[in-house]
Amino acid sequence: MAIKKMDKPNEGVRCVVNTCEYYMAGDHCAAEQIQVEPRNASDSEDTDCATFVKKSDSFS
């Protein structure tokens, strides 16, 4: 399922992963929705953003 990339930040979601397609300057996320996995994680180190998409190179 493709996640829509908004032209404004998803308020309330902070992201510092500047290699993600949804990253916006100021540590914001432009994904319309996010999915965090896995179920039954016991702490934050066990979780991953399943919405992450590696940013394509704009130099090609």
PDB file of N, CA and C in Angstrom:
ATOM      1  N   MET A   1       0.849  -1.181   0.000  1.00  0.00           N
ATOM      2  CA  MET A   1       0.000   0.000   0.000  1.00  0.00           C
ATOM      3  C   MET A   1       0.891   1.239   0.000  1.00  0.00           C
ATOM      4  N   ALA A   2       0.713   2.098  -0.978  1.00  0.00           N
ATOM      5  CA  ALA A   2       1.493   3.330  -1.055  1.00  0.00           C
ATOM      6  C   ALA A   2       0.916   4.365  -0.092  1.00  0.00           C
ATOM      7  N   ILE A   3       1.800   5.043   0.591  1.00  0.00           N
ATOM      8  CA  ILE A   3       1.403   6.093   1.526  1.00  0.00           C
ATOM      9  C   ILE A   3       1.542   7.431   0.808  1.00  0.00           C
ATOM     10  N   LYS A   4       0.527   8.262   0.908  1.00  0.00           N
ATOM     11  CA  LYS A   4       0.544   9.571   0.255  1.00  0.00           C
ATOM     12  C   LYS A   4       1.554  10.488   0.945  1.00  0.00           C
ATOM     13  N   LYS A   5       2.349  11.194   0.133  1.00  0.00           N
ATOM     14  CA  LYS A   5       3.283  12.197   0.654  1.00  0.00           C
ATOM     15  C   LYS A   5       2.588  13.553   0.601  1.00  0.00           C
ATOM     16  N   MET A   6       2.424  14.157   1.763  1.00  0.00           N
ATOM     17  CA  MET A   6       1.744  15.445   1.846  1.00  0.00           C
ATOM     18  C   MET A   6       2.730  16.575   1.548  1.00  0.00           C
ATOM     19  N   ASP A   7       2.208  17.755   1.242  1.00  0.00           N
ATOM     20  CA  ASP A   7       3.070  18.903   1.001  1.00  0.00           C
ATOM     21  C   ASP A   7       3.294  19.729   2.258  1.00  0.00           C
ATOM     22  N   LYS A   8       2.798  19.224   3.381  1.00  0.00           N
ATOM     23  CA  LYS A   8       3.006  19.871   4.678  1.00  0.00           C
ATOM     24  C   LYS A   8       3.307  18.782   5.706  1.00  0.00           C
ATOM     25  N   PRO A   9       3.892  19.160   6.829  1.00  0.00           N
ATOM     26  CA  PRO A   9       4.236  18.148   7.840  1.00  0.00           C
ATOM     27  C   PRO A   9       3.009  17.474   8.448  1.00  0.00           C
ATOM     28  N   ASN A  10       3.184  16.217   8.834  1.00  0.00           N
ATOM     29  CA  ASN A  10       2.186  15.492   9.606  1.00  0.00           C
ATOM     30  C   ASN A  10       2.375  15.955  11.048  1.00  0.00           C
ATOM     31  N   GLU A  11       1.514  16.835  11.496  1.00  0.00           N
ATOM     32  CA  GLU A  11       1.656  17.417  12.833  1.00  0.00           C
ATOM     33  C   GLU A  11       1.677  16.322  13.898  1.00  0.00           C
ATOM     34  N   GLY A  12       2.549  16.451  14.843  1.00  0.00           N
ATOM     35  CA  GLY A  12       2.642  15.493  15.930  1.00  0.00           C
ATOM     36  C   GLY A  12       3.613  14.359  15.677  1.00  0.00           C
ATOM     37  N   VAL A  13       4.160  14.269  14.450  1.00  0.00           N
ATOM     38  CA  VAL A  13       5.134  13.228  14.142  1.00  0.00           C
ATOM     39  C   VAL A  13       6.482  13.893  13.900  1.00  0.00           C
ATOM     40  N   ARG A  14       7.456  13.562  14.722  1.00  0.00           N
ATOM     41  CA  ARG A  14       8.812  14.080  14.565  1.00  0.00           C
ATOM     42  C   ARG A  14       9.670  12.965  13.996  1.00  0.00           C
ATOM     43  N   CYS A  15      10.479  13.293  12.993  1.00  0.00           N
ATOM     44  CA  CYS A  15      11.355  12.305  12.381  1.00  0.00           C
ATOM     45  C   CYS A  15      12.688  12.953  12.043  1.00  0.00           C
ATOM     46  N   VAL A  16      13.772  12.291  12.387  1.00  0.00           N
ATOM     47  CA  VAL A  16      15.114  12.811  12.102  1.00  0.00           C
ATOM     48  C   VAL A  16      15.827  12.007  11.016  1.00  0.00           C
ATOM     49  N   VAL A  17      15.130  11.076  10.384  1.00  0.00           N
ATOM     50  CA  VAL A  17      15.743  10.202   9.380  1.00  0.00           C
ATOM     51  C   VAL A  17      15.730  10.920   8.028  1.00  0.00           C
ATOM     52  N   ASN A  18      16.801  11.665   7.750  1.00  0.00           N
ATOM     53  CA  ASN A  18      16.834  12.499   6.548  1.00  0.00           C
ATOM     54  C   ASN A  18      17.070  11.712   5.261  1.00  0.00           C
ATOM     55  N   THR A  19      17.197  10.408   5.354  1.00  0.00           N
ATOM     56  CA  THR A  19      17.328   9.566   4.164  1.00  0.00           C
ATOM     57  C   THR A  19      15.984   8.969   3.739  1.00  0.00           C
ATOM     58  N   CYS A  20      14.917   9.353   4.412  1.00  0.00           N
ATOM     59  CA  CYS A  20      13.576   8.859   4.089  1.00  0.00           C
ATOM     60  C   CYS A  20      12.887   9.801   3.105  1.00  0.00           C
ATOM     61  N   GLU A  21      12.155   9.228   2.180  1.00  0.00           N
ATOM     62  CA  GLU A  21      11.405   9.997   1.179  1.00  0.00           C
ATOM     63  C   GLU A  21      10.404  10.945   1.829  1.00  0.00           C
ATOM     64  N   TYR A  22       9.892  10.605   3.002  1.00  0.00           N
ATOM     65  CA  TYR A  22       8.879  11.411   3.676  1.00  0.00           C
ATOM     66  C   TYR A  22       9.466  12.481   4.600  1.00  0.00           C
ATOM     67  N   TYR A  23      10.776  12.523   4.733  1.00  0.00           N
ATOM     68  CA  TYR A  23      11.421  13.495   5.622  1.00  0.00           C
ATOM     69  C   TYR A  23      11.238  14.914   5.085  1.00  0.00           C
ATOM     70  N   MET A  24      10.934  15.852   6.007  1.00  0.00           N
ATOM     71  CA  MET A  24      10.863  17.275   5.666  1.00  0.00           C
ATOM     72  C   MET A  24      11.812  18.033   6.578  1.00  0.00           C
ATOM     73  N   ALA A  25      12.390  19.102   6.064  1.00  0.00           N
ATOM     74  CA  ALA A  25      13.300  19.938   6.846  1.00  0.00           C
ATOM     75  C   ALA A  25      12.650  20.324   8.169  1.00  0.00           C
ATOM     76  N   GLY A  26      13.463  20.413   9.195  1.00  0.00           N
ATOM     77  CA  GLY A  26      12.959  20.724  10.524  1.00  0.00           C
ATOM     78  C   GLY A  26      12.568  19.486  11.304  1.00  0.00           C
ATOM     79  N   ASP A  27      12.984  18.315  10.808  1.00  0.00           N
ATOM     80  CA  ASP A  27      12.691  17.029  11.452  1.00  0.00           C
ATOM     81  C   ASP A  27      11.197  16.723  11.507  1.00  0.00           C
ATOM     82  N   HIS A  28      10.552  16.874  10.356  1.00  0.00           N
ATOM     83  CA  HIS A  28       9.131  16.572  10.219  1.00  0.00           C
ATOM     84  C   HIS A  28       8.937  15.383   9.284  1.00  0.00           C
ATOM     85  N   CYS A  29       7.768  14.773   9.368  1.00  0.00           N
ATOM     86  CA  CYS A  29       7.383  13.664   8.496  1.00  0.00           C
ATOM     87  C   CYS A  29       6.224  14.125   7.614  1.00  0.00           C
ATOM     88  N   ALA A  30       6.329  13.857   6.306  1.00  0.00           N
ATOM     89  CA  ALA A  30       5.276  14.250   5.369  1.00  0.00           C
ATOM     90  C   ALA A  30       4.384  13.079   4.961  1.00  0.00           C
ATOM     91  N   ALA A  31       4.546  11.928   5.595  1.00  0.00           N
ATOM     92  CA  ALA A  31       3.673  10.790   5.290  1.00  0.00           C
ATOM     93  C   ALA A  31       2.279  11.067   5.848  1.00  0.00           C
ATOM     94  N   GLU A  32       1.262  10.771   5.051  1.00  0.00           N
ATOM     95  CA  GLU A  32      -0.113  10.991   5.493  1.00  0.00           C
ATOM     96  C   GLU A  32      -0.430  10.159   6.733  1.00  0.00           C
ATOM     97  N   GLN A  33       0.181   8.982   6.808  1.00  0.00           N
ATOM     98  CA  GLN A  33       0.036   8.115   7.977  1.00  0.00           C
ATOM     99  C   GLN A  33       1.326   7.335   8.140  1.00  0.00           C
ATOM    100  N   ILE A  34       1.586   6.856   9.341  1.00  0.00           N
ATOM    101  CA  ILE A  34       2.778   6.045   9.575  1.00  0.00           C
ATOM    102  C   ILE A  34       2.374   4.710  10.181  1.00  0.00           C
ATOM    103  N   GLN A  35       3.247   3.738  10.007  1.00  0.00           N
ATOM    104  CA  GLN A  35       3.034   2.417  10.602  1.00  0.00           C
ATOM    105  C   GLN A  35       4.305   2.042  11.346  1.00  0.00           C
ATOM    106  N   VAL A  36       4.166   1.740  12.626  1.00  0.00           N
ATOM    107  CA  VAL A  36       5.295   1.349  13.464  1.00  0.00           C
ATOM    108  C   VAL A  36       5.124  -0.118  13.833  1.00  0.00           C
ATOM    109  N   GLU A  37       6.186  -0.892  13.683  1.00  0.00           N
ATOM    110  CA  GLU A  37       6.165  -2.333  13.953  1.00  0.00           C
ATOM    111  C   GLU A  37       7.336  -2.696  14.845  1.00  0.00           C
ATOM    112  N   PRO A  38       7.375  -3.884  15.390  1.00  0.00           N
ATOM    113  CA  PRO A  38       6.433  -4.997  15.340  1.00  0.00           C
ATOM    114  C   PRO A  38       5.476  -4.979  16.529  1.00  0.00           C
ATOM    115  N   ARG A  39       4.476  -5.792  16.415  1.00  0.00           N
ATOM    116  CA  ARG A  39       3.544  -5.995  17.526  1.00  0.00           C
ATOM    117  C   ARG A  39       4.332  -6.613  18.689  1.00  0.00           C
ATOM    118  N   ASN A  40       3.947  -6.318  19.879  1.00  0.00           N
ATOM    119  CA  ASN A  40       4.537  -6.873  21.104  1.00  0.00           C
ATOM    120  C   ASN A  40       5.976  -6.426  21.363  1.00  0.00           C
ATOM    121  N   ALA A  41       6.392  -5.276  20.823  1.00  0.00           N
ATOM    122  CA  ALA A  41       7.721  -4.747  21.137  1.00  0.00           C
ATOM    123  C   ALA A  41       7.775  -4.435  22.629  1.00  0.00           C
ATOM    124  N   SER A  42       8.947  -4.602  23.224  1.00  0.00           N
ATOM    125  CA  SER A  42       9.054  -4.365  24.663  1.00  0.00           C
ATOM    126  C   SER A  42       9.667  -3.011  25.000  1.00  0.00           C
ATOM    127  N   ASP A  43      10.341  -2.368  24.050  1.00  0.00           N
ATOM    128  CA  ASP A  43      10.842  -1.013  24.263  1.00  0.00           C
ATOM    129  C   ASP A  43      11.081  -0.336  22.912  1.00  0.00           C
ATOM    130  N   SER A  44      11.422   0.932  22.929  1.00  0.00           N
ATOM    131  CA  SER A  44      11.544   1.688  21.676  1.00  0.00           C
ATOM    132  C   SER A  44      12.632   1.149  20.756  1.00  0.00           C
ATOM    133  N   GLU A  45      13.653   0.522  21.308  1.00  0.00           N
ATOM    134  CA  GLU A  45      14.721  -0.044  20.480  1.00  0.00           C
ATOM    135  C   GLU A  45      14.245  -1.233  19.647  1.00  0.00           C
ATOM    136  N   ASP A  46      13.126  -1.822  20.027  1.00  0.00           N
ATOM    137  CA  ASP A  46      12.567  -2.962  19.294  1.00  0.00           C
ATOM    138  C   ASP A  46      11.652  -2.530  18.149  1.00  0.00           C
ATOM    139  N   THR A  47      11.407  -1.228  18.002  1.00  0.00           N
ATOM    140  CA  THR A  47      10.442  -0.761  17.014  1.00  0.00           C
ATOM    141  C   THR A  47      11.106  -0.210  15.758  1.00  0.00           C
ATOM    142  N   ASP A  48      10.364  -0.248  14.663  1.00  0.00           N
ATOM    143  CA  ASP A  48      10.813   0.281  13.375  1.00  0.00           C
ATOM    144  C   ASP A  48       9.652   0.993  12.696  1.00  0.00           C
ATOM    145  N   CYS A  49       9.984   2.019  11.922  1.00  0.00           N
ATOM    146  CA  CYS A  49       8.977   2.700  11.114  1.00  0.00           C
ATOM    147  C   CYS A  49       8.832   1.935   9.803  1.00  0.00           C
ATOM    148  N   ALA A  50       7.729   1.246   9.646  1.00  0.00           N
ATOM    149  CA  ALA A  50       7.490   0.464   8.432  1.00  0.00           C
ATOM    150  C   ALA A  50       7.121   1.359   7.254  1.00  0.00           C
ATOM    151  N   THR A  51       6.906   2.642   7.493  1.00  0.00           N
ATOM    152  CA  THR A  51       6.576   3.595   6.445  1.00  0.00           C
ATOM    153  C   THR A  51       7.825   4.058   5.701  1.00  0.00           C
ATOM    154  N   PHE A  52       8.992   3.853   6.279  1.00  0.00           N
ATOM    155  CA  PHE A  52      10.254   4.318   5.690  1.00  0.00           C
ATOM    156  C   PHE A  52      10.417   3.862   4.242  1.00  0.00           C
ATOM    157  N   VAL A  53      10.766   4.820   3.384  1.00  0.00           N
ATOM    158  CA  VAL A  53      11.124   4.552   1.990  1.00  0.00           C
ATOM    159  C   VAL A  53      12.413   5.319   1.734  1.00  0.00           C
ATOM    160  N   LYS A  54      13.446   4.622   1.285  1.00  0.00           N
ATOM    161  CA  LYS A  54      14.725   5.284   1.037  1.00  0.00           C
ATOM    162  C   LYS A  54      14.548   6.371  -0.019  1.00  0.00           C
ATOM    163  N   LYS A  55      15.041   7.559   0.312  1.00  0.00           N
ATOM    164  CA  LYS A  55      14.944   8.696  -0.598  1.00  0.00           C
ATOM    165  C   LYS A  55      15.730   8.405  -1.866  1.00  0.00           C
ATOM    166  N   SER A  56      15.113   8.652  -3.009  1.00  0.00           N
ATOM    167  CA  SER A  56      15.811   8.439  -4.280  1.00  0.00           C
ATOM    168  C   SER A  56      16.801   9.577  -4.499  1.00  0.00           C
ATOM    169  N   ASP A  57      17.907   9.265  -5.146  1.00  0.00           N
ATOM    170  CA  ASP A  57      18.915  10.284  -5.426  1.00  0.00           C
ATOM    171  C   ASP A  57      18.359  11.267  -6.444  1.00  0.00           C
ATOM    172  N   SER A  58      18.503  12.547  -6.136  1.00  0.00           N
ATOM    173  CA  SER A  58      18.024  13.565  -7.067  1.00  0.00           C
ATOM    174  C   SER A  58      19.113  13.948  -8.060  1.00  0.00           C
ATOM    175  N   PHE A  59      20.269  13.283  -7.980  1.00  0.00           N
ATOM    176  CA  PHE A  59      21.400  13.611  -8.839  1.00  0.00           C
ATOM    177  C   PHE A  59      21.446  12.747 -10.093  1.00  0.00           C
ATOM    178  N   SER A  60      20.523  11.809 -10.262  1.00  0.00           N
ATOM    179  CA  SER A  60      20.554  10.885 -11.405  1.00  0.00           C
ATOM    180  C   SER A  60      20.097  11.567 -12.671  1.00  0.00           C
TER     181      SER A  60
END
